[in-house]
Amino acid sequence: MQLHLISFAAVEKITVKIINQSNNSLPSYATSGSSGMDLRAWLSEPIILEPMQRFAVPTGLFIELPDGFEAQIRPRSGLALKQGITCLNTPGTIDADYRGEIKIILINLSGEQQLIQHGDRIAQIVIQKVTRAQWQTSIELSETKRGEGGFGHTGKS
């Protein structure tokens, strides 16, 4: 039996300007297959998140994305599973023309207080290309098998 290796195109890389006002390291990819980079809390003192409380956690990071790109802020699965902490407005969108500090809106969905400390990994940032839509007004849309079937229309199982 002969094995054939398939060569995949290299992942596209872009340069993103970043200002880091924190003393945390820059976001980086944990593995060669990672699509997101962890963001860390930049805090002068720990934050206690009460159940159902939300807070915009500073990162000390400011970025300049090239035109045609966005940054998406996504939750960290381990933080969600282990502590019940996730991001609101997910995925959060950072537009190419935004120059303010990246802040992460966290919410505590657990039934207990949760502690966020300086340097904790609190979210992921993923850089994506943007496609812009151009609307074409119409008086009808093409027919599909699904049609207008929405929320749960295919059943529970």
Protein backbone atom coordinates (compact mmCIF):
# COMPACT_ATOMS: atom_id res chain seq x y z
CA MET A 1 0.00 0.00 0.00
CA GLN A 2 1.36 3.39 -0.97
CA LEU A 3 0.61 6.48 1.09
CA HIS A 4 0.08 9.79 -0.65
CA LEU A 5 0.72 12.94 1.31
CA ILE A 6 -1.44 15.87 0.44
CA SER A 7 0.25 19.23 0.64
CA PHE A 8 -1.91 22.03 1.97
CA ALA A 9 -1.26 25.65 1.13
CA ALA A 10 0.59 27.53 3.82
CA VAL A 11 -1.56 29.56 6.18
CA GLU A 12 -1.69 33.17 5.08
CA LYS A 13 0.08 35.56 7.42
CA ILE A 14 -0.51 39.27 7.84
CA THR A 15 1.25 41.89 9.90
CA VAL A 16 -0.82 43.59 12.60
CA LYS A 17 0.51 46.59 14.50
CA ILE A 18 0.05 46.24 18.25
CA ILE A 19 0.65 48.42 21.30
CA ASN A 20 0.97 46.50 24.56
CA GLN A 21 0.57 48.75 27.61
CA SER A 22 0.35 45.76 29.95
CA ASN A 23 3.21 43.73 31.35
CA ASN A 24 1.67 40.55 29.86
CA SER A 25 3.28 38.87 26.89
CA LEU A 26 1.82 39.48 23.44
CA PRO A 27 -0.94 37.12 22.33
CA SER A 28 0.52 34.09 20.53
CA TYR A 29 -0.61 30.83 18.97
CA ALA A 30 -0.26 27.91 21.41
CA THR A 31 0.14 25.29 18.66
CA SER A 32 0.78 25.22 14.92
CA GLY A 33 -2.92 24.38 14.39
CA SER A 34 -4.33 27.10 16.64
CA SER A 35 -6.61 29.66 15.01
CA GLY A 36 -6.91 31.86 18.09
CA MET A 37 -4.47 33.54 20.44
CA ASP A 38 -5.21 33.89 24.15
CA LEU A 39 -5.83 37.35 25.59
CA ARG A 40 -4.89 38.10 29.19
CA ALA A 41 -6.47 40.32 31.83
CA TRP A 42 -4.58 43.54 32.63
CA LEU A 43 -5.65 44.38 36.17
CA SER A 44 -4.26 46.42 39.05
CA GLU A 45 -6.25 44.25 41.46
CA PRO A 46 -8.29 41.05 41.13
CA ILE A 47 -11.95 41.21 40.11
CA ILE A 48 -14.62 39.11 41.77
CA LEU A 49 -17.45 38.33 39.37
CA GLU A 50 -20.68 37.55 41.18
CA PRO A 51 -23.15 35.12 39.57
CA MET A 52 -24.68 36.74 36.45
CA GLN A 53 -22.41 39.80 36.82
CA ARG A 54 -20.66 41.11 33.71
CA PHE A 55 -17.53 43.24 33.47
CA ALA A 56 -15.42 44.71 30.66
CA VAL A 57 -11.94 43.40 31.46
CA PRO A 58 -9.06 45.48 30.09
CA THR A 59 -6.18 43.84 28.21
CA GLY A 60 -3.85 46.80 27.69
CA LEU A 61 -3.75 45.91 23.98
CA PHE A 62 -4.42 48.23 21.05
CA ILE A 63 -4.23 46.97 17.45
CA GLU A 64 -4.22 48.31 13.90
CA LEU A 65 -5.70 45.75 11.54
CA PRO A 66 -5.14 46.01 7.79
CA ASP A 67 -8.19 47.01 5.72
CA GLY A 68 -10.24 43.96 4.81
CA PHE A 69 -9.70 42.21 8.15
CA GLU A 70 -11.46 42.01 11.51
CA ALA A 71 -10.58 40.52 14.87
CA GLN A 72 -13.10 38.27 16.57
CA ILE A 73 -13.16 37.86 20.34
CA ARG A 74 -14.27 34.41 21.44
CA PRO A 75 -14.63 32.60 24.78
CA ARG A 76 -12.07 30.13 26.10
CA SER A 77 -13.71 26.73 26.40
CA GLY A 78 -11.83 25.74 29.57
CA LEU A 79 -12.87 28.92 31.37
CA ALA A 80 -16.49 28.32 30.37
CA LEU A 81 -16.50 24.67 31.42
CA LYS A 82 -14.50 24.93 34.64
CA GLN A 83 -15.68 28.31 35.98
CA GLY A 84 -18.84 29.16 34.06
CA ILE A 85 -17.24 32.34 32.67
CA THR A 86 -17.85 33.27 29.06
CA CYS A 87 -17.84 36.29 26.78
CA LEU A 88 -20.94 38.30 25.98
CA ASN A 89 -21.47 39.63 22.47
CA THR A 90 -19.76 36.55 21.07
CA PRO A 91 -18.03 36.70 18.80
CA GLY A 92 -17.13 40.27 19.57
CA THR A 93 -16.01 42.16 16.49
CA ILE A 94 -13.06 44.54 16.33
CA ASP A 95 -13.23 46.50 13.09
CA ALA A 96 -10.16 47.47 11.09
CA ASP A 97 -10.66 51.16 11.91
CA TYR A 98 -11.01 50.72 15.72
CA ARG A 99 -8.02 52.02 17.67
CA GLY A 100 -9.18 51.79 21.28
CA GLU A 101 -8.16 49.29 23.92
CA ILE A 102 -9.39 45.73 23.50
CA LYS A 103 -11.67 44.95 26.43
CA ILE A 104 -13.35 41.61 26.99
CA ILE A 105 -16.94 41.55 28.24
CA LEU A 106 -17.05 38.58 30.61
CA ILE A 107 -20.08 37.18 32.42
CA ASN A 108 -20.19 34.69 35.27
CA LEU A 109 -22.88 32.12 34.44
CA SER A 110 -22.02 29.92 37.43
CA GLY A 111 -23.80 30.01 40.75
CA GLU A 112 -20.65 31.03 42.62
CA GLN A 113 -18.29 34.00 42.79
CA GLN A 114 -15.43 33.73 40.30
CA LEU A 115 -12.04 35.42 40.63
CA ILE A 116 -10.29 37.05 37.67
CA GLN A 117 -6.65 37.93 38.33
CA HIS A 118 -4.05 39.92 36.43
CA GLY A 119 -2.55 37.79 33.68
CA ASP A 120 -5.41 35.26 33.54
CA ARG A 121 -6.21 34.03 30.04
CA ILE A 122 -9.75 35.31 29.55
CA ALA A 123 -10.58 35.06 25.83
CA GLN A 124 -9.23 34.30 22.37
CA ILE A 125 -8.64 36.62 19.45
CA VAL A 126 -9.01 35.33 15.88
CA ILE A 127 -8.08 37.43 12.83
CA GLN A 128 -10.39 36.95 9.83
CA LYS A 129 -10.81 38.31 6.33
CA VAL A 130 -13.94 40.34 5.76
CA THR A 131 -16.27 40.02 2.80
CA ARG A 132 -18.57 42.97 2.23
CA ALA A 133 -22.10 42.46 0.95
CA GLN A 134 -23.77 44.47 -1.75
CA TRP A 135 -27.56 44.32 -1.44
CA GLN A 136 -29.71 43.53 -4.45
CA THR A 137 -33.34 44.38 -3.77
CA SER A 138 -35.86 41.87 -5.04
CA ILE A 139 -39.55 41.03 -4.77
CA GLU A 140 -38.94 37.27 -4.45
CA LEU A 141 -36.32 34.75 -3.39
CA SER A 142 -35.55 31.35 -4.89
CA GLU A 143 -37.38 28.30 -3.49
CA THR A 144 -35.53 25.79 -1.26
CA LYS A 145 -36.56 22.57 0.46
CA ARG A 146 -36.24 24.29 3.84
CA GLY A 147 -38.22 27.35 2.85
CA GLU A 148 -39.19 29.44 5.86
CA GLY A 149 -38.47 26.68 8.41
CA GLY A 150 -36.61 28.27 11.31
CA PHE A 151 -35.79 27.63 14.95
CA GLY A 152 -36.12 23.90 15.59
CA HIS A 153 -38.07 23.15 12.42
CA THR A 154 -36.27 19.82 11.85
CA GLY A 155 -37.31 18.40 15.22
CA LYS A 156 -35.57 17.47 18.45
CA SER A 157 -33.69 14.31 17.50
